[in-house]
N, C-alpha and C. Protein backbone atom coordinates (compact mmCIF):
# COMPACT_ATOMS: atom_id res chain seq x y z
N MET A 1 21.50 -18.28 -5.78
CA MET A 1 20.23 -17.99 -5.14
C MET A 1 20.45 -16.90 -4.09
N THR A 2 19.50 -15.98 -4.03
CA THR A 2 19.61 -14.88 -3.06
C THR A 2 19.40 -15.41 -1.64
N PRO A 3 19.84 -14.65 -0.64
CA PRO A 3 19.59 -15.08 0.74
C PRO A 3 18.09 -15.29 1.03
N GLU A 4 17.24 -14.38 0.53
CA GLU A 4 15.80 -14.55 0.73
C GLU A 4 15.29 -15.77 -0.05
N GLY A 5 15.86 -16.01 -1.21
CA GLY A 5 15.48 -17.19 -1.99
C GLY A 5 15.79 -18.48 -1.24
N LYS A 6 16.89 -18.50 -0.51
CA LYS A 6 17.24 -19.67 0.29
C LYS A 6 16.23 -19.89 1.41
N VAL A 7 15.78 -18.80 2.02
CA VAL A 7 14.77 -18.90 3.08
C VAL A 7 13.46 -19.43 2.47
N LYS A 8 13.07 -18.91 1.32
CA LYS A 8 11.85 -19.37 0.66
C LYS A 8 11.94 -20.87 0.35
N ALA A 9 13.09 -21.33 -0.11
CA ALA A 9 13.26 -22.75 -0.42
C ALA A 9 13.09 -23.60 0.84
N LYS A 10 13.63 -23.15 1.95
CA LYS A 10 13.48 -23.89 3.22
C LYS A 10 12.02 -23.90 3.66
N VAL A 11 11.34 -22.77 3.52
CA VAL A 11 9.93 -22.70 3.90
C VAL A 11 9.11 -23.66 3.04
N LYS A 12 9.35 -23.66 1.72
CA LYS A 12 8.64 -24.59 0.83
C LYS A 12 8.84 -26.03 1.26
N LYS A 13 10.07 -26.38 1.58
CA LYS A 13 10.38 -27.75 2.00
C LYS A 13 9.60 -28.13 3.25
N ILE A 14 9.58 -27.24 4.23
CA ILE A 14 8.86 -27.52 5.47
C ILE A 14 7.36 -27.63 5.23
N LEU A 15 6.81 -26.70 4.45
CA LEU A 15 5.37 -26.75 4.16
C LEU A 15 5.00 -28.04 3.44
N THR A 16 5.84 -28.46 2.52
CA THR A 16 5.59 -29.71 1.80
C THR A 16 5.65 -30.90 2.74
N GLU A 17 6.62 -30.91 3.63
CA GLU A 17 6.74 -32.01 4.60
C GLU A 17 5.48 -32.14 5.45
N PHE A 18 4.84 -31.02 5.76
CA PHE A 18 3.65 -31.03 6.59
C PHE A 18 2.36 -31.21 5.79
N GLY A 19 2.48 -31.30 4.47
CA GLY A 19 1.30 -31.49 3.63
C GLY A 19 0.41 -30.27 3.55
N ALA A 20 0.97 -29.09 3.76
CA ALA A 20 0.20 -27.85 3.72
C ALA A 20 -0.04 -27.43 2.28
N TYR A 21 -1.19 -26.81 2.04
CA TYR A 21 -1.42 -26.14 0.76
C TYR A 21 -0.79 -24.76 0.89
N TYR A 22 -0.09 -24.32 -0.15
CA TYR A 22 0.43 -22.96 -0.14
C TYR A 22 0.43 -22.37 -1.53
N ALA A 23 0.32 -21.07 -1.58
CA ALA A 23 0.43 -20.32 -2.83
C ALA A 23 1.38 -19.16 -2.59
N MET A 24 2.07 -18.81 -3.64
CA MET A 24 3.00 -17.67 -3.58
C MET A 24 2.49 -16.62 -4.57
N PRO A 25 1.76 -15.62 -4.06
CA PRO A 25 1.19 -14.61 -4.95
C PRO A 25 2.26 -13.88 -5.76
N VAL A 26 1.91 -13.60 -6.99
CA VAL A 26 2.82 -12.87 -7.88
C VAL A 26 2.69 -11.39 -7.59
N SER A 27 3.81 -10.74 -7.39
CA SER A 27 3.78 -9.29 -7.18
C SER A 27 4.04 -8.61 -8.52
N GLY A 28 3.91 -7.32 -8.53
CA GLY A 28 4.23 -6.59 -9.75
C GLY A 28 3.05 -5.91 -10.39
N GLY A 29 2.25 -5.21 -9.61
CA GLY A 29 1.21 -4.39 -10.20
C GLY A 29 -0.16 -5.02 -10.30
N PHE A 30 -0.25 -6.34 -10.31
CA PHE A 30 -1.54 -6.99 -10.47
C PHE A 30 -2.10 -7.55 -9.17
N GLY A 31 -1.28 -7.66 -8.13
CA GLY A 31 -1.74 -8.20 -6.85
C GLY A 31 -1.96 -7.09 -5.85
N ASN A 32 -2.26 -7.48 -4.64
CA ASN A 32 -2.40 -6.52 -3.55
C ASN A 32 -1.03 -6.20 -2.99
N ALA A 33 -0.73 -4.94 -2.87
CA ALA A 33 0.56 -4.52 -2.32
C ALA A 33 0.68 -4.99 -0.88
N GLY A 34 1.83 -5.54 -0.55
CA GLY A 34 2.09 -5.97 0.82
C GLY A 34 1.69 -7.39 1.13
N THR A 35 1.08 -8.09 0.18
CA THR A 35 0.67 -9.48 0.43
C THR A 35 1.89 -10.32 0.78
N PRO A 36 1.80 -11.12 1.85
CA PRO A 36 2.94 -11.95 2.25
C PRO A 36 3.37 -12.92 1.15
N ASP A 37 4.59 -13.43 1.26
CA ASP A 37 5.16 -14.31 0.24
C ASP A 37 4.44 -15.65 0.12
N PHE A 38 3.93 -16.16 1.23
CA PHE A 38 3.24 -17.45 1.23
C PHE A 38 1.87 -17.30 1.87
N LEU A 39 0.84 -17.82 1.21
CA LEU A 39 -0.49 -17.93 1.77
C LEU A 39 -0.73 -19.42 1.95
N VAL A 40 -0.96 -19.83 3.20
CA VAL A 40 -0.93 -21.25 3.56
C VAL A 40 -2.25 -21.66 4.20
N CYS A 41 -2.69 -22.87 3.86
CA CYS A 41 -3.80 -23.49 4.57
C CYS A 41 -3.31 -24.84 5.09
N ILE A 42 -3.43 -25.04 6.39
CA ILE A 42 -3.02 -26.30 7.00
C ILE A 42 -4.02 -26.67 8.08
N ARG A 43 -4.55 -27.86 7.93
CA ARG A 43 -5.56 -28.38 8.88
C ARG A 43 -6.70 -27.40 9.08
N GLY A 44 -7.12 -26.76 7.99
CA GLY A 44 -8.26 -25.85 8.05
C GLY A 44 -7.96 -24.47 8.60
N LYS A 45 -6.70 -24.16 8.82
CA LYS A 45 -6.33 -22.84 9.37
C LYS A 45 -5.49 -22.07 8.36
N PHE A 46 -5.63 -20.75 8.42
CA PHE A 46 -4.94 -19.86 7.49
C PHE A 46 -3.69 -19.29 8.13
N LEU A 47 -2.60 -19.34 7.39
CA LEU A 47 -1.31 -18.82 7.84
C LEU A 47 -0.66 -18.06 6.69
N ALA A 48 -0.14 -16.89 6.98
CA ALA A 48 0.61 -16.11 6.00
C ALA A 48 2.06 -16.02 6.47
N ILE A 49 2.98 -16.13 5.52
CA ILE A 49 4.40 -16.08 5.86
C ILE A 49 5.10 -15.06 4.97
N GLU A 50 5.76 -14.12 5.60
CA GLU A 50 6.62 -13.17 4.90
C GLU A 50 8.05 -13.61 5.13
N THR A 51 8.81 -13.85 4.08
CA THR A 51 10.20 -14.27 4.22
C THR A 51 11.12 -13.07 4.02
N LYS A 52 12.20 -13.09 4.77
CA LYS A 52 13.19 -12.01 4.70
C LYS A 52 14.58 -12.58 4.80
N ALA A 53 15.53 -11.90 4.20
CA ALA A 53 16.93 -12.21 4.44
C ALA A 53 17.27 -11.65 5.81
N LYS A 54 18.23 -12.26 6.46
CA LYS A 54 18.59 -11.89 7.84
C LYS A 54 18.80 -10.38 7.97
N GLY A 55 18.15 -9.83 8.97
CA GLY A 55 18.31 -8.41 9.25
C GLY A 55 17.29 -7.52 8.56
N ASN A 56 16.61 -8.02 7.54
CA ASN A 56 15.61 -7.21 6.85
C ASN A 56 14.29 -7.29 7.59
N LYS A 57 13.54 -6.22 7.54
CA LYS A 57 12.25 -6.12 8.22
C LYS A 57 11.14 -5.96 7.18
N PRO A 58 9.92 -6.37 7.52
CA PRO A 58 8.80 -6.14 6.61
C PRO A 58 8.58 -4.65 6.38
N THR A 59 8.09 -4.31 5.19
CA THR A 59 7.75 -2.93 4.89
C THR A 59 6.47 -2.56 5.64
N ALA A 60 6.15 -1.28 5.64
CA ALA A 60 4.92 -0.83 6.28
C ALA A 60 3.70 -1.48 5.63
N LEU A 61 3.70 -1.62 4.31
CA LEU A 61 2.58 -2.28 3.61
C LEU A 61 2.48 -3.75 4.01
N GLN A 62 3.61 -4.43 4.14
CA GLN A 62 3.60 -5.83 4.55
C GLN A 62 3.10 -5.97 5.99
N GLU A 63 3.54 -5.09 6.87
CA GLU A 63 3.06 -5.11 8.26
C GLU A 63 1.56 -4.88 8.31
N ALA A 64 1.06 -3.94 7.50
CA ALA A 64 -0.38 -3.65 7.48
C ALA A 64 -1.16 -4.86 6.99
N ALA A 65 -0.67 -5.53 5.96
CA ALA A 65 -1.36 -6.72 5.43
C ALA A 65 -1.38 -7.83 6.48
N MET A 66 -0.26 -8.03 7.17
CA MET A 66 -0.21 -9.08 8.19
C MET A 66 -1.13 -8.75 9.36
N GLN A 67 -1.25 -7.47 9.69
CA GLN A 67 -2.16 -7.07 10.77
C GLN A 67 -3.61 -7.36 10.37
N LYS A 68 -3.97 -7.10 9.12
CA LYS A 68 -5.33 -7.39 8.65
C LYS A 68 -5.60 -8.89 8.70
N ILE A 69 -4.61 -9.69 8.36
CA ILE A 69 -4.75 -11.15 8.43
C ILE A 69 -5.01 -11.57 9.88
N ARG A 70 -4.26 -11.03 10.80
CA ARG A 70 -4.43 -11.36 12.22
C ARG A 70 -5.81 -10.93 12.72
N GLU A 71 -6.24 -9.75 12.31
CA GLU A 71 -7.55 -9.25 12.72
C GLU A 71 -8.68 -10.12 12.16
N ALA A 72 -8.44 -10.76 11.02
CA ALA A 72 -9.44 -11.64 10.41
C ALA A 72 -9.40 -13.05 10.98
N GLY A 73 -8.50 -13.28 11.95
CA GLY A 73 -8.44 -14.59 12.59
C GLY A 73 -7.35 -15.51 12.08
N GLY A 74 -6.55 -15.04 11.13
CA GLY A 74 -5.43 -15.84 10.62
C GLY A 74 -4.17 -15.59 11.42
N ARG A 75 -3.14 -16.32 11.06
CA ARG A 75 -1.83 -16.11 11.68
C ARG A 75 -0.89 -15.57 10.62
N ALA A 76 0.05 -14.76 11.04
CA ALA A 76 1.03 -14.19 10.11
C ALA A 76 2.39 -14.20 10.78
N LEU A 77 3.37 -14.73 10.08
CA LEU A 77 4.72 -14.86 10.60
C LEU A 77 5.73 -14.20 9.67
N VAL A 78 6.82 -13.73 10.25
CA VAL A 78 7.98 -13.27 9.48
C VAL A 78 9.08 -14.30 9.73
N ILE A 79 9.58 -14.89 8.66
CA ILE A 79 10.58 -15.96 8.76
C ILE A 79 11.85 -15.53 8.04
N ASP A 80 12.99 -15.71 8.71
CA ASP A 80 14.30 -15.49 8.08
C ASP A 80 15.23 -16.63 8.46
N GLU A 81 16.51 -16.50 8.14
CA GLU A 81 17.46 -17.58 8.42
C GLU A 81 17.54 -17.93 9.90
N THR A 82 17.30 -16.94 10.76
CA THR A 82 17.48 -17.16 12.18
C THR A 82 16.34 -17.92 12.84
N ASN A 83 15.16 -17.93 12.21
CA ASN A 83 14.02 -18.59 12.84
C ASN A 83 13.25 -19.55 11.94
N VAL A 84 13.83 -19.93 10.81
CA VAL A 84 13.10 -20.78 9.86
C VAL A 84 12.70 -22.12 10.49
N GLU A 85 13.51 -22.65 11.37
CA GLU A 85 13.17 -23.94 11.99
C GLU A 85 12.02 -23.82 12.98
N THR A 86 11.74 -22.61 13.47
CA THR A 86 10.59 -22.45 14.36
C THR A 86 9.28 -22.67 13.61
N LEU A 87 9.32 -22.58 12.28
CA LEU A 87 8.13 -22.84 11.48
C LEU A 87 7.62 -24.26 11.74
N ARG A 88 8.51 -25.22 11.89
CA ARG A 88 8.09 -26.59 12.20
C ARG A 88 7.26 -26.64 13.49
N LYS A 89 7.72 -25.93 14.51
CA LYS A 89 6.99 -25.90 15.78
C LYS A 89 5.63 -25.25 15.61
N GLU A 90 5.58 -24.17 14.84
CA GLU A 90 4.31 -23.49 14.57
C GLU A 90 3.34 -24.44 13.88
N LEU A 91 3.83 -25.18 12.89
CA LEU A 91 2.95 -26.08 12.14
C LEU A 91 2.53 -27.28 12.99
N ASP A 92 3.38 -27.72 13.88
CA ASP A 92 3.00 -28.80 14.80
C ASP A 92 1.82 -28.37 15.68
N ASN A 93 1.74 -27.08 15.97
CA ASN A 93 0.67 -26.57 16.85
C ASN A 93 -0.61 -26.26 16.09
N GLU A 94 -0.58 -26.32 14.78
CA GLU A 94 -1.79 -26.03 13.98
C GLU A 94 -2.67 -27.25 13.94
């Protein structure tokens, strides 16, 4: 499993523990460029999560998509190996 794949697996586990609905949009020409890896609904609130391997940063398209989500009233996070456990705290506050 790739380093980013390991982060995604941890995120899935945490989202499942919290009973969140999530979808992972398929990329590859048919979706919107830059869409975050996870689109989440928890307790009636919208959250987007972009996962990265340690040290990697979101692309300009990903940053733009997350900014649009924030402007629309949603939350958008970038999660990697160094901060994956902070997702639990974020979900506790939702």
